[in-house]
Amino acid sequence: MRNTNRSSHHILDPTSTLRSSAANWQSPARNSSRGGFVLLMVLVAIIVVGVAMTASARRSLLASISAIESQQSIQRRWGSYSCQMTLLASAPTLFEFTDRSTRQGRGKAKALTAILEDRVILGDQMFDLLVADEDAKANLNAIYDIGGLPAVETAVSDLAGTFESRTRRLAPVRESARTLAFKKPGSEKSKPSGNADSSGTAIDPSELVPKPNNAFPAFRSWGEVFDLVQVSQMTGEDRQVAKMTRKLSLLGSGQLNVFRASDETVLAVCQAAVSKALASRVLLEIRETSIRETDLLLERTVKNEEDRQKLLVLLGSTSRSFSIWIETTTKNSRQQRFAVQSPNDFGNVQITEFSFE
């Protein structure tokens, strides 16, 4: 009986009932908070894993892009180098072949071909090639040494085009041979007329003519002739440099091959040394005569010895320097490479290279 009464008393105790009810109300709240915390941790773990996977995928993508770019770069260098070495080495033969074809088709009154163009596709890259006779272009360094900076300005305006000449910079790194000759004591400026010195000794006219300094050119690259930034801004691309310099040169022997040069080029070079009228007569003689030696040709046309000596410095009948522009085009980029092959002072062939990217 005692046990029964205690049990019934416990059941009927209001305090005990409240505690039991409170415990029953607290248990779902605790379970709910634990579930929310677990859910939050799961979400955090999902976000962390997602970020890690995204970073890993990005690294893999960048590595893949880098590998593709490296492969394209290797293919571009290999293709450019192959085209350069093959075509520059065979340039003299190529131009001799075109010379024969031009003479048969046009006759002697027209200039021979001075530029050869072609396009080669290797893989997914396209190579635009421009092979030129550098000695069939107006050499600005030779013009500068004979006629000074004004003669260079005129040549650039006449041969690069009016629009392109607006971008000229003309920043020579030294004075012209003509200026230096005038500064020398006893130079031609102080010589009496009659081609004789003060003692009456005859003077060789060739000694009065300044010689171009090929070993140390005044203009070493096109960046010293044109403002390349302005060229890019005005035209939208650097490839314009190749078009602007189709009749202009900085490297080479310095003597213009008058039989391959265009009429405009011959006139521009001659006018650096003589009058426009005399330059026109020289051009007419070049195109009409069958004489292939420059000295004999000038002897028939130019009577003034000093003028003839100046023209002999600037004009020739052979070519020893050749160049190639290589423009590589892919889906994502375009790059240009320029190389010139010419003999140095010792007669050895040297190659000078420039890159435009």
Protein backbone atom coordinates (compact mmCIF):
# COMPACT_ATOMS: atom_id res chain seq x y z
CA MET A 1 0.00 0.00 0.00
CA ARG A 2 2.82 2.46 0.72
CA ASN A 3 4.32 2.00 -2.57
CA THR A 4 0.98 2.60 -4.23
CA ASN A 5 0.38 5.83 -2.33
CA ARG A 6 3.82 7.18 -3.13
CA SER A 7 3.31 6.49 -6.74
CA SER A 8 -0.01 8.21 -6.85
CA HIS A 9 1.40 11.11 -4.91
CA HIS A 10 4.17 11.54 -7.37
CA ILE A 11 1.76 11.59 -10.25
CA LEU A 12 -0.46 14.13 -8.62
CA ASP A 13 2.43 16.43 -7.65
CA PRO A 14 2.06 19.65 -9.70
CA THR A 15 5.74 20.55 -9.42
CA SER A 16 6.74 17.27 -10.87
CA THR A 17 4.27 17.78 -13.69
CA LEU A 18 5.71 21.19 -14.56
CA ARG A 19 9.25 19.86 -14.66
CA SER A 20 8.19 17.06 -16.87
CA SER A 21 6.37 19.42 -19.20
CA ALA A 22 9.34 21.79 -19.36
CA ALA A 23 11.64 18.92 -20.24
CA ASN A 24 9.28 17.84 -22.97
CA TRP A 25 9.18 21.41 -24.42
CA GLN A 26 13.02 21.86 -24.33
CA SER A 27 13.94 18.67 -26.16
CA PRO A 28 12.57 19.66 -29.64
CA ALA A 29 14.32 23.08 -29.45
CA ARG A 30 17.65 21.45 -28.75
CA ASN A 31 17.19 19.00 -31.59
CA SER A 32 16.25 21.85 -33.93
CA SER A 33 19.38 23.90 -33.09
CA ARG A 34 21.61 20.91 -33.61
CA GLY A 35 20.00 20.19 -36.96
CA GLY A 36 20.46 23.82 -38.05
CA PHE A 37 24.14 23.77 -37.10
CA VAL A 38 24.73 20.55 -39.00
CA LEU A 39 22.96 21.99 -42.05
CA LEU A 40 25.08 25.14 -41.85
CA MET A 41 28.29 23.12 -41.67
CA VAL A 42 27.16 21.05 -44.66
CA LEU A 43 26.50 24.23 -46.64
CA VAL A 44 29.90 25.63 -45.66
CA ALA A 45 31.57 22.39 -46.69
CA ILE A 46 29.74 22.47 -50.06
CA ILE A 47 30.85 26.08 -50.64
CA VAL A 48 34.47 25.28 -49.72
CA VAL A 49 34.51 22.26 -52.00
CA GLY A 50 32.91 24.30 -54.80
CA VAL A 51 35.48 27.09 -54.44
CA ALA A 52 38.31 24.55 -54.41
CA MET A 53 36.96 22.82 -57.50
CA THR A 54 36.49 26.17 -59.28
CA ALA A 55 40.06 27.19 -58.46
CA SER A 56 41.35 23.83 -59.61
CA ALA A 57 39.38 24.08 -62.85
CA ARG A 58 40.67 27.63 -63.42
CA ARG A 59 44.25 26.50 -62.88
CA SER A 60 43.73 23.63 -65.28
CA LEU A 61 42.23 26.00 -67.86
CA LEU A 62 45.08 28.48 -67.49
CA ALA A 63 47.60 25.67 -67.78
CA SER A 64 45.85 24.43 -70.92
CA ILE A 65 45.78 27.93 -72.44
CA SER A 66 49.44 28.44 -71.56
CA ALA A 67 50.34 25.14 -73.18
CA ILE A 68 48.42 26.08 -76.36
CA GLU A 69 50.07 29.51 -76.47
CA SER A 70 53.50 27.95 -75.96
CA GLN A 71 52.81 25.50 -78.77
CA GLN A 72 51.66 28.31 -81.08
CA SER A 73 54.68 30.40 -80.14
CA ILE A 74 57.03 27.54 -80.99
CA GLN A 75 55.22 26.94 -84.29
CA ARG A 76 55.37 30.67 -85.09
CA ARG A 77 59.09 30.95 -84.36
CA TRP A 78 59.83 27.77 -86.27
CA GLY A 79 57.73 28.86 -89.25
CA SER A 80 59.16 32.40 -89.31
CA TYR A 81 62.72 31.19 -89.00
CA SER A 82 62.24 28.60 -91.73
CA CYS A 83 60.72 31.14 -94.13
CA GLN A 84 63.45 33.66 -93.34
CA MET A 85 66.39 31.33 -93.81
CA THR A 86 64.96 29.73 -96.96
CA LEU A 87 63.86 32.87 -98.79
CA LEU A 88 66.69 35.23 -97.82
CA ALA A 89 69.27 32.72 -98.95
CA SER A 90 67.57 32.29 -102.33
CA ALA A 91 66.56 35.95 -102.82
CA PRO A 92 69.30 36.79 -105.37
CA THR A 93 68.28 33.82 -107.53
CA LEU A 94 64.59 34.68 -107.26
CA PHE A 95 65.14 38.26 -108.41
CA GLU A 96 67.40 37.20 -111.27
CA PHE A 97 64.63 34.92 -112.47
CA THR A 98 62.05 37.74 -112.29
CA ASP A 99 64.50 40.07 -114.06
CA ARG A 100 64.57 37.78 -117.10
CA SER A 101 60.78 37.48 -117.14
CA THR A 102 60.30 41.25 -116.79
CA ARG A 103 62.72 42.05 -119.65
CA GLN A 104 60.92 39.63 -121.94
CA GLY A 105 57.47 40.97 -121.07
CA ARG A 106 58.01 44.71 -120.65
CA GLY A 107 61.26 45.68 -122.29
CA LYS A 108 64.06 47.81 -120.92
CA ALA A 109 62.01 50.98 -120.33
CA LYS A 110 60.39 49.62 -117.15
CA ALA A 111 61.90 49.01 -113.75
CA LEU A 112 62.54 45.40 -112.83
CA THR A 113 60.59 43.73 -110.05
CA ALA A 114 61.86 44.76 -106.61
CA ILE A 115 59.29 43.08 -104.32
CA LEU A 116 57.95 39.52 -104.24
CA GLU A 117 54.86 38.63 -102.19
CA ASP A 118 53.44 35.28 -101.13
CA ARG A 119 51.35 33.60 -98.43
CA VAL A 120 52.08 30.30 -96.70
CA ILE A 121 49.78 28.39 -94.31
CA LEU A 122 51.44 26.10 -91.77
CA GLY A 123 49.02 24.33 -89.45
CA ASP A 124 46.54 26.92 -88.19
CA GLN A 125 48.95 29.83 -88.74
CA MET A 126 49.17 32.04 -91.81
CA PHE A 127 52.45 33.64 -92.91
CA ASP A 128 52.35 36.67 -95.23
CA LEU A 129 55.75 37.12 -96.86
CA LEU A 130 57.25 40.21 -98.45
CA VAL A 131 60.72 39.67 -99.96
CA ALA A 132 62.40 42.85 -101.22
CA ASP A 133 65.60 44.08 -102.78
CA GLU A 134 66.85 46.58 -100.20
CA ASP A 135 69.22 48.13 -102.73
CA ALA A 136 66.22 48.95 -104.94
CA LYS A 137 64.89 51.25 -102.20
CA ALA A 138 65.90 54.77 -101.26
CA ASN A 139 68.48 54.41 -98.51
CA LEU A 140 67.71 57.18 -96.01
CA ASN A 141 71.13 56.96 -94.38
CA ALA A 142 72.90 57.56 -97.71
CA ILE A 143 70.50 60.38 -98.54
CA TYR A 144 71.06 61.95 -95.12
CA ASP A 145 74.85 61.93 -95.51
CA ILE A 146 74.68 63.52 -98.97
CA GLY A 147 71.77 65.96 -98.60
CA GLY A 148 71.17 66.34 -94.87
CA LEU A 149 67.89 66.17 -92.98
CA PRO A 150 65.86 68.24 -95.51
CA ALA A 151 66.64 65.68 -98.22
CA VAL A 152 65.42 62.87 -95.94
CA GLU A 153 62.20 64.75 -95.20
CA THR A 154 61.54 65.16 -98.92
CA ALA A 155 62.28 61.50 -99.66
CA VAL A 156 59.97 60.28 -96.89
CA SER A 157 57.16 62.57 -98.08
CA ASP A 158 57.57 61.43 -101.69
CA LEU A 159 57.96 57.70 -101.07
CA ALA A 160 56.08 56.87 -97.86
CA GLY A 161 52.93 58.73 -98.85
CA THR A 162 51.39 61.98 -97.66
CA PHE A 163 49.30 60.38 -94.92
CA GLU A 164 52.12 58.17 -93.63
CA SER A 165 54.70 60.98 -93.75
CA ARG A 166 52.69 62.80 -91.09
CA THR A 167 53.98 60.24 -88.60
CA ARG A 168 57.65 60.88 -89.36
CA ARG A 169 59.92 61.42 -86.40
CA LEU A 170 63.39 61.72 -87.98
CA ALA A 171 65.71 61.43 -84.98
CA PRO A 172 69.21 60.70 -86.37
CA VAL A 173 71.80 59.66 -83.81
CA ARG A 174 74.64 61.59 -85.46
CA GLU A 175 75.33 64.48 -87.80
CA SER A 176 75.42 63.88 -91.52
CA ALA A 177 78.68 63.38 -93.41
CA ARG A 178 77.84 66.54 -95.37
CA THR A 179 77.65 68.62 -92.16
CA LEU A 180 80.85 67.11 -90.80
CA ALA A 181 82.66 67.82 -94.10
CA PHE A 182 81.71 71.50 -93.88
CA LYS A 183 83.00 71.67 -90.31
CA LYS A 184 86.45 70.32 -91.20
CA PRO A 185 89.24 72.86 -91.65
CA GLY A 186 90.02 73.30 -95.34
CA SER A 187 86.75 71.69 -96.34
CA GLU A 188 84.97 72.26 -99.65
CA LYS A 189 83.30 75.34 -98.20
CA SER A 190 86.65 77.09 -97.97
CA LYS A 191 88.03 75.74 -101.26
CA PRO A 192 88.35 78.23 -104.12
CA SER A 193 86.46 77.54 -107.33
CA GLY A 194 88.12 75.79 -110.24
CA ASN A 195 88.81 72.53 -108.38
CA ALA A 196 92.19 73.69 -107.15
CA ASP A 197 93.52 74.46 -103.69
CA SER A 198 95.36 77.66 -102.67
CA SER A 199 98.66 76.32 -103.99
CA GLY A 200 97.14 75.70 -107.41
CA THR A 201 97.14 71.91 -107.04
CA ALA A 202 94.19 70.24 -108.74
CA ILE A 203 91.62 68.71 -106.40
CA ASP A 204 89.97 65.39 -107.08
CA PRO A 205 86.20 66.12 -107.14
CA SER A 206 85.52 62.80 -105.47
CA GLU A 207 87.32 64.11 -102.38
CA LEU A 208 84.78 66.94 -102.13
CA VAL A 209 81.85 64.52 -101.92
CA PRO A 210 80.96 63.23 -98.43
CA LYS A 211 80.84 59.46 -98.18
CA PRO A 212 78.03 57.75 -96.25
CA ASN A 213 79.10 56.09 -93.02
CA ASN A 214 77.63 52.61 -93.40
CA ALA A 215 79.45 51.35 -90.31
CA PHE A 216 77.56 53.77 -88.07
CA PRO A 217 74.20 54.67 -89.64
CA ALA A 218 72.35 57.77 -88.50
CA PHE A 219 69.00 55.95 -88.58
CA ARG A 220 69.31 52.48 -87.06
CA SER A 221 65.66 51.43 -86.99
CA TRP A 222 62.26 52.60 -88.20
CA GLY A 223 61.51 53.89 -84.72
CA GLU A 224 64.02 56.67 -85.41
CA VAL A 225 62.29 57.58 -88.68
CA PHE A 226 58.61 57.18 -87.77
CA ASP A 227 56.67 57.57 -84.55
CA LEU A 228 55.50 53.97 -84.33
CA VAL A 229 52.99 54.74 -81.56
CA GLN A 230 51.36 57.37 -83.74
CA VAL A 231 51.43 54.99 -86.70
CA SER A 232 49.54 52.40 -84.65
CA GLN A 233 47.02 54.99 -83.43
CA MET A 234 46.37 56.45 -86.87
CA THR A 235 46.13 53.16 -88.75
CA GLY A 236 45.08 50.80 -85.96
CA GLU A 237 47.96 48.37 -86.51
CA ASP A 238 51.76 48.15 -86.74
CA ARG A 239 51.62 46.24 -90.05
CA GLN A 240 51.44 49.65 -91.72
CA VAL A 241 55.22 49.97 -91.27
CA ALA A 242 55.77 47.30 -93.93
CA LYS A 243 53.60 49.25 -96.38
CA MET A 244 55.24 52.59 -95.58
CA THR A 245 58.73 51.27 -96.22
CA ARG A 246 58.19 49.48 -99.55
CA LYS A 247 60.39 52.15 -101.23
CA LEU A 248 62.51 53.15 -98.23
CA SER A 249 65.48 51.44 -96.63
CA LEU A 250 67.86 51.93 -93.72
CA LEU A 251 70.20 48.99 -94.26
CA GLY A 252 72.13 47.82 -97.26
CA SER A 253 74.99 49.00 -99.43
CA GLY A 254 73.65 52.57 -99.71
CA GLN A 255 73.77 52.50 -103.51
CA LEU A 256 70.45 52.35 -105.33
CA ASN A 257 70.10 49.67 -107.99
CA VAL A 258 68.63 51.99 -110.62
CA PHE A 259 67.42 49.13 -112.82
CA ARG A 260 65.21 47.59 -110.12
CA ALA A 261 64.16 50.80 -108.37
CA SER A 262 60.90 52.51 -109.32
CA ASP A 263 60.90 55.83 -111.18
CA GLU A 264 59.78 57.66 -108.03
CA THR A 265 62.63 56.12 -106.05
CA VAL A 266 65.29 57.06 -108.61
CA LEU A 267 64.04 60.66 -108.71
CA ALA A 268 63.92 60.92 -104.90
CA VAL A 269 67.49 59.65 -104.51
CA CYS A 270 68.91 61.81 -107.31
CA GLN A 271 67.22 64.94 -105.97
CA ALA A 272 69.12 64.54 -102.72
CA ALA A 273 72.27 65.46 -104.69
CA VAL A 274 71.24 67.36 -107.83
CA SER A 275 68.41 69.47 -109.21
CA LYS A 276 65.03 68.02 -110.17
CA ALA A 277 65.65 68.73 -113.85
CA LEU A 278 68.95 66.87 -113.86
CA ALA A 279 67.40 64.02 -111.88
CA SER A 280 64.72 63.68 -114.55
CA ARG A 281 67.35 63.54 -117.30
CA VAL A 282 69.24 60.84 -115.43
CA LEU A 283 66.05 58.79 -115.04
CA LEU A 284 65.26 59.11 -118.74
CA GLU A 285 68.76 57.94 -119.65
CA ILE A 286 68.46 54.96 -117.28
CA ARG A 287 65.21 53.79 -118.84
CA GLU A 288 66.12 54.41 -122.49
CA THR A 289 69.71 53.27 -122.77
CA SER A 290 71.02 49.74 -122.99
CA ILE A 291 74.08 50.65 -120.90
CA ARG A 292 74.13 48.67 -117.66
CA GLU A 293 77.11 50.39 -116.00
CA THR A 294 76.21 53.38 -113.82
CA ASP A 295 79.50 55.21 -114.29
CA LEU A 296 79.23 55.12 -118.09
CA LEU A 297 75.60 56.11 -117.95
CA LEU A 298 76.29 59.14 -115.73
CA GLU A 299 79.30 60.15 -117.79
CA ARG A 300 76.99 60.54 -120.80
CA THR A 301 74.33 62.46 -118.87
CA VAL A 302 75.96 64.59 -116.15
CA LYS A 303 78.65 67.09 -117.21
CA ASN A 304 79.38 68.65 -113.83
CA GLU A 305 82.05 66.54 -112.15
CA GLU A 306 80.93 67.21 -108.58
CA ASP A 307 77.32 66.32 -109.39
CA ARG A 308 78.49 63.17 -111.12
CA GLN A 309 80.57 62.14 -108.10
CA LYS A 310 77.59 62.64 -105.78
CA LEU A 311 75.38 60.51 -107.99
CA LEU A 312 78.06 57.82 -108.22
CA VAL A 313 77.96 57.59 -104.43
CA LEU A 314 74.18 57.15 -104.46
CA LEU A 315 73.53 55.11 -107.62
CA GLY A 316 74.61 51.62 -108.64
CA SER A 317 73.59 48.76 -110.90
CA THR A 318 73.78 45.70 -108.63
CA SER A 319 72.11 44.48 -105.46
CA ARG A 320 73.72 42.87 -102.45
CA SER A 321 71.13 43.40 -99.70
CA PHE A 322 67.75 41.71 -99.42
CA SER A 323 65.02 41.76 -96.80
CA ILE A 324 61.92 39.89 -95.73
CA TRP A 325 58.82 40.93 -93.81
CA ILE A 326 57.05 37.98 -92.17
CA GLU A 327 53.60 38.58 -90.72
CA THR A 328 52.17 35.70 -88.71
CA THR A 329 48.41 35.63 -88.17
CA THR A 330 46.56 33.34 -85.74
CA LYS A 331 43.07 33.46 -84.25
CA ASN A 332 44.29 35.54 -81.32
CA SER A 333 47.28 37.54 -82.49
CA ARG A 334 49.27 39.07 -85.33
CA GLN A 335 53.03 39.53 -85.23
CA GLN A 336 55.61 40.90 -87.65
CA ARG A 337 59.24 40.05 -88.15
CA PHE A 338 61.69 41.96 -90.33
CA ALA A 339 65.13 40.70 -91.34
CA VAL A 340 67.78 42.13 -93.66
CA GLN A 341 70.65 40.17 -95.19
CA SER A 342 73.60 42.29 -96.31
CA PRO A 343 77.41 42.08 -96.52
CA ASN A 344 79.45 43.77 -93.83
CA ASP A 345 82.71 45.70 -94.23
CA PHE A 346 84.66 42.42 -94.39
CA GLY A 347 82.49 40.91 -97.12
CA ASN A 348 80.74 38.48 -94.80
CA VAL A 349 76.97 38.13 -94.91
CA GLN A 350 75.19 39.37 -91.81
CA ILE A 351 71.51 39.28 -90.86
CA THR A 352 69.86 42.06 -88.87
CA GLU A 353 66.48 41.25 -87.33
CA PHE A 354 63.63 43.34 -85.90
CA SER A 355 60.36 42.26 -84.26
CA PHE A 356 57.01 44.09 -84.20
CA GLU A 357 54.38 42.68 -81.80
